[in-house]
Amino acid sequence: MKKSEKDIIEEMAQVVEQMRLDDIEDNPDIIDEYFDCDCCGKNKCLAGSIEYEGYRLCNDCVLLAETGFALGKITSVKELIDVIEDKHLEELANFVKEEEKRLNN
């Protein structure tokens, strides 16, 4: 029987969360180690992150990537990065606008 999209998403969420927990179990200090995700651009915890095709993705983006692969929505991490980059640039622009407002008040 073919798995539903919902089943695949739930399964991927469990797998990716387990990877994060395993990283913490293997190295409890990883909780305090951060990096800038090559996909979403946010400063995220190293636990559960994975390097794909030379890009380091945070646990949240790993979930998006793995789910995208499992559902056949993407074939490479670069595709995901390109899609998210638009959102990332939008967030950056909003941050700059908010910062300007704050400085002008």
N, C-alpha and C. Protein backbone atom coordinates (compact mmCIF):
# COMPACT_ATOMS: atom_id res chain seq x y z
N MET A 1 0.84 -1.19 0.00
CA MET A 1 0.00 0.00 0.00
C MET A 1 0.88 1.24 0.00
N LYS A 2 0.54 2.19 -0.82
CA LYS A 2 1.30 3.43 -0.92
C LYS A 2 1.00 4.32 0.29
N LYS A 3 2.07 4.89 0.85
CA LYS A 3 1.90 5.77 2.01
C LYS A 3 1.30 7.09 1.56
N SER A 4 0.46 7.66 2.42
CA SER A 4 -0.11 8.97 2.13
C SER A 4 0.95 10.03 2.37
N GLU A 5 0.71 11.21 1.80
CA GLU A 5 1.63 12.33 1.99
C GLU A 5 1.77 12.65 3.48
N LYS A 6 0.66 12.59 4.19
CA LYS A 6 0.65 12.87 5.63
C LYS A 6 1.53 11.85 6.38
N ASP A 7 1.41 10.57 6.02
CA ASP A 7 2.22 9.52 6.66
C ASP A 7 3.71 9.76 6.41
N ILE A 8 4.04 10.12 5.18
CA ILE A 8 5.44 10.37 4.82
C ILE A 8 5.98 11.55 5.63
N ILE A 9 5.19 12.62 5.73
CA ILE A 9 5.61 13.82 6.47
C ILE A 9 5.82 13.48 7.95
N GLU A 10 4.89 12.74 8.53
CA GLU A 10 5.01 12.35 9.95
C GLU A 10 6.22 11.46 10.17
N GLU A 11 6.45 10.53 9.26
CA GLU A 11 7.59 9.62 9.37
C GLU A 11 8.90 10.40 9.29
N MET A 12 8.99 11.33 8.34
CA MET A 12 10.20 12.15 8.19
C MET A 12 10.44 13.00 9.44
N ALA A 13 9.38 13.54 10.01
CA ALA A 13 9.50 14.36 11.22
C ALA A 13 10.10 13.53 12.36
N GLN A 14 9.65 12.29 12.48
CA GLN A 14 10.18 11.41 13.53
C GLN A 14 11.64 11.07 13.28
N VAL A 15 11.99 10.75 12.05
CA VAL A 15 13.36 10.39 11.70
C VAL A 15 14.31 11.56 11.97
N VAL A 16 13.92 12.75 11.52
CA VAL A 16 14.77 13.94 11.66
C VAL A 16 14.91 14.34 13.13
N GLU A 17 13.84 14.23 13.90
CA GLU A 17 13.90 14.52 15.34
C GLU A 17 14.82 13.52 16.03
N GLN A 18 14.75 12.26 15.63
CA GLN A 18 15.61 11.23 16.23
C GLN A 18 17.08 11.53 15.93
N MET A 19 17.37 12.02 14.74
CA MET A 19 18.76 12.39 14.38
C MET A 19 19.26 13.47 15.33
N ARG A 20 18.40 14.45 15.62
CA ARG A 20 18.76 15.54 16.52
C ARG A 20 19.05 14.99 17.92
N LEU A 21 18.16 14.13 18.40
CA LEU A 21 18.32 13.54 19.73
C LEU A 21 19.58 12.66 19.81
N ASP A 22 19.86 11.92 18.74
CA ASP A 22 21.06 11.08 18.69
C ASP A 22 22.32 11.93 18.76
N ASP A 23 22.33 13.05 18.03
CA ASP A 23 23.48 13.96 18.06
C ASP A 23 23.72 14.47 19.48
N ILE A 24 22.64 14.83 20.17
CA ILE A 24 22.75 15.35 21.54
C ILE A 24 23.24 14.25 22.48
N GLU A 25 22.73 13.03 22.28
CA GLU A 25 23.15 11.90 23.11
C GLU A 25 24.64 11.60 22.89
N ASP A 26 25.09 11.62 21.62
CA ASP A 26 26.49 11.34 21.30
C ASP A 26 27.42 12.44 21.81
N ASN A 27 26.93 13.69 21.80
CA ASN A 27 27.75 14.83 22.19
C ASN A 27 26.88 15.91 22.84
N PRO A 28 26.66 15.80 24.16
CA PRO A 28 25.78 16.76 24.85
C PRO A 28 26.20 18.23 24.65
N ASP A 29 27.48 18.49 24.43
CA ASP A 29 27.96 19.87 24.24
C ASP A 29 27.44 20.50 22.95
N ILE A 30 26.94 19.66 22.04
CA ILE A 30 26.47 20.18 20.74
C ILE A 30 25.31 21.17 20.92
N ILE A 31 24.62 21.08 22.04
CA ILE A 31 23.51 21.99 22.36
C ILE A 31 23.99 23.45 22.30
N ASP A 32 25.25 23.67 22.66
CA ASP A 32 25.81 25.03 22.70
C ASP A 32 26.58 25.41 21.44
N GLU A 33 26.53 24.54 20.42
CA GLU A 33 27.24 24.81 19.16
C GLU A 33 26.24 25.25 18.10
N TYR A 34 26.52 26.42 17.50
CA TYR A 34 25.60 26.99 16.51
C TYR A 34 26.33 27.28 15.20
N PHE A 35 25.57 27.39 14.14
CA PHE A 35 26.10 27.72 12.82
C PHE A 35 25.01 28.43 12.05
N ASP A 36 25.37 29.11 10.97
CA ASP A 36 24.38 29.75 10.10
C ASP A 36 23.98 28.76 9.02
N CYS A 37 22.71 28.38 9.02
CA CYS A 37 22.19 27.41 8.06
C CYS A 37 22.33 27.96 6.63
N ASP A 38 22.85 27.13 5.73
CA ASP A 38 23.02 27.54 4.33
C ASP A 38 21.69 27.62 3.59
N CYS A 39 20.63 27.11 4.21
CA CYS A 39 19.33 27.12 3.55
C CYS A 39 18.47 28.28 4.05
N CYS A 40 18.14 28.30 5.36
CA CYS A 40 17.25 29.35 5.87
C CYS A 40 18.02 30.59 6.32
N GLY A 41 19.34 30.46 6.51
CA GLY A 41 20.16 31.60 6.88
C GLY A 41 20.12 31.94 8.36
N LYS A 42 19.35 31.17 9.13
CA LYS A 42 19.23 31.45 10.57
C LYS A 42 20.39 30.80 11.32
N ASN A 43 20.72 31.36 12.48
CA ASN A 43 21.74 30.79 13.35
C ASN A 43 21.07 29.68 14.15
N LYS A 44 21.44 28.43 13.85
CA LYS A 44 20.74 27.28 14.44
C LYS A 44 21.72 26.34 15.14
N CYS A 45 21.16 25.51 16.01
CA CYS A 45 21.94 24.51 16.73
C CYS A 45 22.47 23.46 15.75
N LEU A 46 23.71 23.02 16.01
CA LEU A 46 24.36 22.02 15.16
C LEU A 46 23.69 20.64 15.26
N ALA A 47 23.02 20.38 16.39
CA ALA A 47 22.38 19.07 16.59
C ALA A 47 21.35 18.81 15.49
N GLY A 48 21.49 17.65 14.85
CA GLY A 48 20.53 17.27 13.82
C GLY A 48 20.77 17.90 12.46
N SER A 49 21.83 18.70 12.37
CA SER A 49 22.14 19.31 11.06
C SER A 49 22.85 18.28 10.19
N ILE A 50 22.76 18.47 8.89
CA ILE A 50 23.40 17.56 7.93
C ILE A 50 24.02 18.39 6.82
N GLU A 51 25.14 17.89 6.30
CA GLU A 51 25.73 18.54 5.13
C GLU A 51 25.33 17.75 3.89
N TYR A 52 24.73 18.48 2.94
CA TYR A 52 24.34 17.89 1.65
C TYR A 52 25.04 18.71 0.58
N GLU A 53 25.66 18.02 -0.37
CA GLU A 53 26.20 18.71 -1.56
C GLU A 53 27.00 19.96 -1.18
N GLY A 54 27.68 19.92 -0.02
CA GLY A 54 28.49 21.06 0.40
C GLY A 54 27.72 22.14 1.15
N TYR A 55 26.42 21.95 1.37
CA TYR A 55 25.60 22.90 2.12
C TYR A 55 25.27 22.29 3.49
N ARG A 56 25.45 23.06 4.55
CA ARG A 56 25.08 22.60 5.91
C ARG A 56 23.67 23.10 6.21
N LEU A 57 22.75 22.17 6.47
CA LEU A 57 21.36 22.50 6.75
C LEU A 57 21.02 22.23 8.21
N CYS A 58 20.27 23.15 8.81
CA CYS A 58 19.80 22.96 10.19
C CYS A 58 18.76 21.85 10.21
N ASN A 59 18.43 21.39 11.41
CA ASN A 59 17.48 20.29 11.56
C ASN A 59 16.13 20.61 10.91
N ASP A 60 15.65 21.85 11.02
CA ASP A 60 14.37 22.21 10.40
C ASP A 60 14.44 22.10 8.88
N CYS A 61 15.54 22.56 8.30
CA CYS A 61 15.69 22.49 6.84
C CYS A 61 15.97 21.07 6.38
N VAL A 62 16.63 20.25 7.23
CA VAL A 62 16.82 18.83 6.92
C VAL A 62 15.43 18.18 6.77
N LEU A 63 14.53 18.55 7.66
CA LEU A 63 13.16 18.00 7.59
C LEU A 63 12.51 18.40 6.26
N LEU A 64 12.65 19.67 5.88
CA LEU A 64 12.08 20.12 4.60
C LEU A 64 12.71 19.37 3.43
N ALA A 65 14.05 19.22 3.47
CA ALA A 65 14.75 18.55 2.38
C ALA A 65 14.33 17.08 2.27
N GLU A 66 14.39 16.37 3.40
CA GLU A 66 14.06 14.94 3.39
C GLU A 66 12.60 14.70 2.99
N THR A 67 11.72 15.55 3.46
CA THR A 67 10.31 15.42 3.08
C THR A 67 10.15 15.72 1.60
N GLY A 68 10.83 16.75 1.12
CA GLY A 68 10.79 17.09 -0.30
C GLY A 68 11.29 15.96 -1.18
N PHE A 69 12.39 15.31 -0.75
CA PHE A 69 12.91 14.16 -1.50
C PHE A 69 11.91 13.01 -1.48
N ALA A 70 11.38 12.69 -0.29
CA ALA A 70 10.46 11.56 -0.13
C ALA A 70 9.18 11.75 -0.95
N LEU A 71 8.74 13.00 -1.06
CA LEU A 71 7.50 13.27 -1.81
C LEU A 71 7.77 13.53 -3.30
N GLY A 72 9.05 13.54 -3.67
CA GLY A 72 9.40 13.78 -5.07
C GLY A 72 9.21 15.23 -5.50
N LYS A 73 9.20 16.15 -4.54
CA LYS A 73 9.00 17.58 -4.84
C LYS A 73 10.31 18.26 -5.25
N ILE A 74 11.43 17.74 -4.73
CA ILE A 74 12.74 18.27 -5.09
C ILE A 74 13.69 17.12 -5.39
N THR A 75 14.73 17.40 -6.16
CA THR A 75 15.72 16.37 -6.47
C THR A 75 17.10 16.74 -5.93
N SER A 76 17.26 17.99 -5.47
CA SER A 76 18.54 18.40 -4.90
C SER A 76 18.32 19.44 -3.81
N VAL A 77 19.28 19.54 -2.92
CA VAL A 77 19.21 20.53 -1.85
C VAL A 77 19.26 21.94 -2.43
N LYS A 78 19.97 22.11 -3.54
CA LYS A 78 20.06 23.42 -4.19
C LYS A 78 18.66 23.93 -4.57
N GLU A 79 17.78 23.05 -5.02
CA GLU A 79 16.40 23.45 -5.34
C GLU A 79 15.71 24.02 -4.12
N LEU A 80 15.87 23.35 -2.98
CA LEU A 80 15.25 23.81 -1.74
C LEU A 80 15.84 25.17 -1.34
N ILE A 81 17.15 25.29 -1.43
CA ILE A 81 17.80 26.56 -1.07
C ILE A 81 17.28 27.70 -1.95
N ASP A 82 17.14 27.44 -3.23
CA ASP A 82 16.63 28.48 -4.15
C ASP A 82 15.22 28.92 -3.77
N VAL A 83 14.37 27.96 -3.39
CA VAL A 83 13.01 28.28 -2.99
C VAL A 83 13.01 29.09 -1.69
N ILE A 84 13.81 28.65 -0.74
CA ILE A 84 13.85 29.29 0.58
C ILE A 84 14.58 30.62 0.53
N GLU A 85 15.51 30.77 -0.41
CA GLU A 85 16.29 32.00 -0.50
C GLU A 85 15.38 33.22 -0.65
N ASP A 86 14.31 33.09 -1.42
CA ASP A 86 13.36 34.19 -1.59
C ASP A 86 12.78 34.59 -0.24
N LYS A 87 12.40 33.59 0.56
CA LYS A 87 11.84 33.84 1.87
C LYS A 87 12.91 34.46 2.78
N HIS A 88 14.13 33.94 2.66
CA HIS A 88 15.26 34.43 3.46
C HIS A 88 15.53 35.91 3.15
N LEU A 89 15.53 36.27 1.87
CA LEU A 89 15.76 37.66 1.48
C LEU A 89 14.64 38.56 1.99
N GLU A 90 13.42 38.04 1.97
CA GLU A 90 12.27 38.79 2.47
C GLU A 90 12.42 39.06 3.97
N GLU A 91 12.85 38.05 4.71
CA GLU A 91 13.08 38.21 6.15
C GLU A 91 14.16 39.24 6.41
N LEU A 92 15.23 39.18 5.61
CA LEU A 92 16.34 40.12 5.75
C LEU A 92 15.87 41.55 5.49
N ALA A 93 15.08 41.73 4.46
CA ALA A 93 14.55 43.05 4.11
C ALA A 93 13.66 43.58 5.24
N ASN A 94 12.83 42.72 5.80
CA ASN A 94 11.96 43.12 6.91
C ASN A 94 12.79 43.51 8.13
N PHE A 95 13.85 42.76 8.39
CA PHE A 95 14.72 43.07 9.52
C PHE A 95 15.35 44.45 9.33
N VAL A 96 15.85 44.73 8.12
CA VAL A 96 16.48 46.02 7.83
C VAL A 96 15.46 47.15 8.02
N LYS A 97 14.24 46.95 7.51
CA LYS A 97 13.18 47.97 7.67
C LYS A 97 12.88 48.23 9.14
N GLU A 98 12.74 47.16 9.92
CA GLU A 98 12.45 47.29 11.34
C GLU A 98 13.60 47.99 12.08
N GLU A 99 14.80 47.69 11.68
CA GLU A 99 15.99 48.28 12.30
C GLU A 99 16.04 49.79 12.01
N GLU A 100 15.70 50.14 10.75
CA GLU A 100 15.69 51.55 10.36
C GLU A 100 14.64 52.32 11.17
N LYS A 101 13.45 51.71 11.30
CA LYS A 101 12.38 52.33 12.10
C LYS A 101 12.85 52.54 13.52
N ARG A 102 13.48 51.52 14.08
CA ARG A 102 13.95 51.58 15.48
C ARG A 102 14.98 52.70 15.65
N LEU A 103 15.89 52.80 14.71
CA LEU A 103 16.96 53.82 14.79
C LEU A 103 16.43 55.22 14.58
N ASN A 104 15.36 55.37 13.81
CA ASN A 104 14.79 56.69 13.51
C ASN A 104 13.89 57.21 14.63
N ASN A 105 13.52 56.34 15.56
CA ASN A 105 12.63 56.77 16.66
C ASN A 105 13.42 57.22 17.88
